[in-house]
Amino acid sequence: MINKIDFKTTNFIYPHKDAESATIIDILKRHNFDVHIPKQTTWFYPLDKEPQETFSNLKENVVIVEMPGLESEQRLAKKYNVIIVDHHCNLPLGINRENTKSSIE
């Protein structure tokens, strides 16, 4: 269980892909959070295709934003407190996290 999310104990893994992500990344950095920005360059950022270096130096809480990947999520959850923030439906991956609220909300 996570008692408090703060910059000392939490990393974010979040792709820089659009205005929403740019805004969230800016807010996180202003509050001193460590943001791991994926190396992928496509519009879709599956977590399972991310290189290992993205997962280096993680803290106890890992927030994964809009990067679906059940296998990687489960692997990370064995070592870290994983929080998934997403509002998309990714049926090809068997993931439906559809929500009327955006990730920034």
C-alpha atoms as a PDB file:
ATOM      1  CA  MET A   1       0.000   0.000   0.000  1.00  0.00           C
ATOM      2  CA  ILE A   2       1.199   3.487  -0.857  1.00  0.00           C
ATOM      3  CA  ASN A   3       1.008   5.988   1.968  1.00  0.00           C
ATOM      4  CA  LYS A   4       2.306   9.059   0.178  1.00  0.00           C
ATOM      5  CA  ILE A   5       3.405   9.846  -3.338  1.00  0.00           C
ATOM      6  CA  ASP A   6       6.226  12.344  -3.284  1.00  0.00           C
ATOM      7  CA  PHE A   7       9.301  13.038  -5.372  1.00  0.00           C
ATOM      8  CA  LYS A   8      11.586  11.144  -2.971  1.00  0.00           C
ATOM      9  CA  THR A   9       9.748   7.835  -3.385  1.00  0.00           C
ATOM     10  CA  THR A  10       8.091   8.028  -6.791  1.00  0.00           C
ATOM     11  CA  ASN A  11       9.052   7.802 -10.471  1.00  0.00           C
ATOM     12  CA  PHE A  12       6.800   8.414 -13.441  1.00  0.00           C
ATOM     13  CA  ILE A  13       7.146   6.617 -16.756  1.00  0.00           C
ATOM     14  CA  TYR A  14       5.395   8.785 -19.298  1.00  0.00           C
ATOM     15  CA  PRO A  15       5.838   9.349 -23.037  1.00  0.00           C
ATOM     16  CA  HIS A  16       6.141  12.894 -24.348  1.00  0.00           C
ATOM     17  CA  LYS A  17       3.675  12.630 -27.238  1.00  0.00           C
ATOM     18  CA  ASP A  18       1.112  15.437 -27.192  1.00  0.00           C
ATOM     19  CA  ALA A  19      -0.033  18.613 -25.404  1.00  0.00           C
ATOM     20  CA  GLU A  20      -1.545  16.664 -22.504  1.00  0.00           C
ATOM     21  CA  SER A  21       1.658  14.724 -21.865  1.00  0.00           C
ATOM     22  CA  ALA A  22       3.820  17.843 -22.214  1.00  0.00           C
ATOM     23  CA  THR A  23       1.671  19.597 -19.609  1.00  0.00           C
ATOM     24  CA  ILE A  24       1.787  16.676 -17.175  1.00  0.00           C
ATOM     25  CA  ILE A  25       5.548  16.239 -17.582  1.00  0.00           C
ATOM     26  CA  ASP A  26       6.066  19.958 -16.978  1.00  0.00           C
ATOM     27  CA  ILE A  27       3.955  19.838 -13.800  1.00  0.00           C
ATOM     28  CA  LEU A  28       5.813  16.760 -12.537  1.00  0.00           C
ATOM     29  CA  LYS A  29       9.235  18.278 -13.167  1.00  0.00           C
ATOM     30  CA  ARG A  30       8.233  21.531 -11.449  1.00  0.00           C
ATOM     31  CA  HIS A  31       7.446  19.405  -8.388  1.00  0.00           C
ATOM     32  CA  ASN A  32      10.813  17.605  -8.620  1.00  0.00           C
ATOM     33  CA  PHE A  33       9.453  14.230  -9.724  1.00  0.00           C
ATOM     34  CA  ASP A  34      11.747  11.944 -11.681  1.00  0.00           C
ATOM     35  CA  VAL A  35      10.140  11.338 -15.082  1.00  0.00           C
ATOM     36  CA  HIS A  36      11.423   8.510 -17.256  1.00  0.00           C
ATOM     37  CA  ILE A  37      10.524   9.447 -20.821  1.00  0.00           C
ATOM     38  CA  PRO A  38      10.380   6.433 -23.150  1.00  0.00           C
ATOM     39  CA  LYS A  39      12.772   6.060 -26.068  1.00  0.00           C
ATOM     40  CA  GLN A  40      10.112   4.889 -28.531  1.00  0.00           C
ATOM     41  CA  THR A  41       9.267   7.277 -31.339  1.00  0.00           C
ATOM     42  CA  THR A  42       5.879   6.022 -32.517  1.00  0.00           C
ATOM     43  CA  TRP A  43       2.459   7.403 -31.546  1.00  0.00           C
ATOM     44  CA  PHE A  44       1.723   4.216 -29.561  1.00  0.00           C
ATOM     45  CA  TYR A  45       4.003   3.445 -26.612  1.00  0.00           C
ATOM     46  CA  PRO A  46       3.558  -0.136 -25.390  1.00  0.00           C
ATOM     47  CA  LEU A  47       5.394  -0.654 -22.135  1.00  0.00           C
ATOM     48  CA  ASP A  48       6.425  -4.175 -23.168  1.00  0.00           C
ATOM     49  CA  LYS A  49       8.529  -2.758 -26.041  1.00  0.00           C
ATOM     50  CA  GLU A  50      10.437  -0.301 -23.908  1.00  0.00           C
ATOM     51  CA  PRO A  51      14.215  -0.883 -23.483  1.00  0.00           C
ATOM     52  CA  GLN A  52      15.483  -1.941 -20.057  1.00  0.00           C
ATOM     53  CA  GLU A  53      17.204   1.406 -19.476  1.00  0.00           C
ATOM     54  CA  THR A  54      13.800   3.037 -18.996  1.00  0.00           C
ATOM     55  CA  PHE A  55      13.357   0.877 -15.889  1.00  0.00           C
ATOM     56  CA  SER A  56      16.713   1.703 -14.281  1.00  0.00           C
ATOM     57  CA  ASN A  57      16.963   3.552 -10.982  1.00  0.00           C
ATOM     58  CA  LEU A  58      13.302   3.212 -10.112  1.00  0.00           C
ATOM     59  CA  LYS A  59      12.050   4.208  -6.681  1.00  0.00           C
ATOM     60  CA  GLU A  60       9.513   2.322  -4.571  1.00  0.00           C
ATOM     61  CA  ASN A  61       6.471   3.839  -6.333  1.00  0.00           C
ATOM     62  CA  VAL A  62       6.261   3.682 -10.122  1.00  0.00           C
ATOM     63  CA  VAL A  63       3.467   5.520 -11.899  1.00  0.00           C
ATOM     64  CA  ILE A  64       3.001   4.371 -15.498  1.00  0.00           C
ATOM     65  CA  VAL A  65       1.027   6.824 -17.598  1.00  0.00           C
ATOM     66  CA  GLU A  66      -0.630   5.843 -20.879  1.00  0.00           C
ATOM     67  CA  MET A  67       1.767   2.998 -21.632  1.00  0.00           C
ATOM     68  CA  PRO A  68      -0.143  -0.291 -21.646  1.00  0.00           C
ATOM     69  CA  GLY A  69       1.752  -3.532 -21.238  1.00  0.00           C
ATOM     70  CA  LEU A  70       0.404  -6.221 -18.947  1.00  0.00           C
ATOM     71  CA  GLU A  71       3.585  -8.311 -18.907  1.00  0.00           C
ATOM     72  CA  SER A  72       5.833  -5.405 -17.920  1.00  0.00           C
ATOM     73  CA  GLU A  73       3.269  -4.058 -15.446  1.00  0.00           C
ATOM     74  CA  GLN A  74       3.132  -7.439 -13.703  1.00  0.00           C
ATOM     75  CA  ARG A  75       6.937  -7.780 -13.694  1.00  0.00           C
ATOM     76  CA  LEU A  76       7.361  -4.319 -12.183  1.00  0.00           C
ATOM     77  CA  ALA A  77       4.612  -4.939  -9.616  1.00  0.00           C
ATOM     78  CA  LYS A  78       6.708  -7.741  -8.110  1.00  0.00           C
ATOM     79  CA  LYS A  79       9.334  -5.180  -7.029  1.00  0.00           C
ATOM     80  CA  TYR A  80       7.519  -1.840  -6.864  1.00  0.00           C
ATOM     81  CA  ASN A  81       4.197  -0.251  -5.990  1.00  0.00           C
ATOM     82  CA  VAL A  82       2.806   0.248  -9.494  1.00  0.00           C
ATOM     83  CA  ILE A  83       0.096   2.770 -10.268  1.00  0.00           C
ATOM     84  CA  ILE A  84      -1.465   2.794 -13.723  1.00  0.00           C
ATOM     85  CA  VAL A  85      -2.867   6.061 -15.085  1.00  0.00           C
ATOM     86  CA  ASP A  86      -4.645   5.598 -18.394  1.00  0.00           C
ATOM     87  CA  HIS A  87      -7.982   6.352 -20.003  1.00  0.00           C
ATOM     88  CA  HIS A  88      -7.617   4.467 -23.289  1.00  0.00           C
ATOM     89  CA  CYS A  89      -9.036   1.260 -24.664  1.00  0.00           C
ATOM     90  CA  ASN A  90      -6.348  -0.987 -26.169  1.00  0.00           C
ATOM     91  CA  LEU A  91      -8.337  -4.006 -27.278  1.00  0.00           C
ATOM     92  CA  PRO A  92      -5.492  -5.465 -29.409  1.00  0.00           C
ATOM     93  CA  LEU A  93      -3.565  -5.804 -26.119  1.00  0.00           C
ATOM     94  CA  GLY A  94      -6.616  -7.032 -24.230  1.00  0.00           C
ATOM     95  CA  ILE A  95      -6.669  -3.892 -22.070  1.00  0.00           C
ATOM     96  CA  ASN A  96      -9.679  -1.652 -21.583  1.00  0.00           C
ATOM     97  CA  ARG A  97      -9.051   1.269 -19.255  1.00  0.00           C
ATOM     98  CA  GLU A  98     -11.487   3.533 -21.009  1.00  0.00           C
ATOM     99  CA  ASN A  99     -12.536   6.447 -18.848  1.00  0.00           C
ATOM    100  CA  THR A 100     -14.294   9.728 -19.558  1.00  0.00           C
ATOM    101  CA  LYS A 101     -11.600  11.598 -17.617  1.00  0.00           C
ATOM    102  CA  SER A 102      -8.248  12.302 -19.217  1.00  0.00           C
ATOM    103  CA  SER A 103      -4.988  11.253 -17.570  1.00  0.00           C
ATOM    104  CA  ILE A 104      -4.333  14.790 -16.390  1.00  0.00           C
ATOM    105  CA  GLU A 105      -7.638  14.731 -14.519  1.00  0.00           C
END
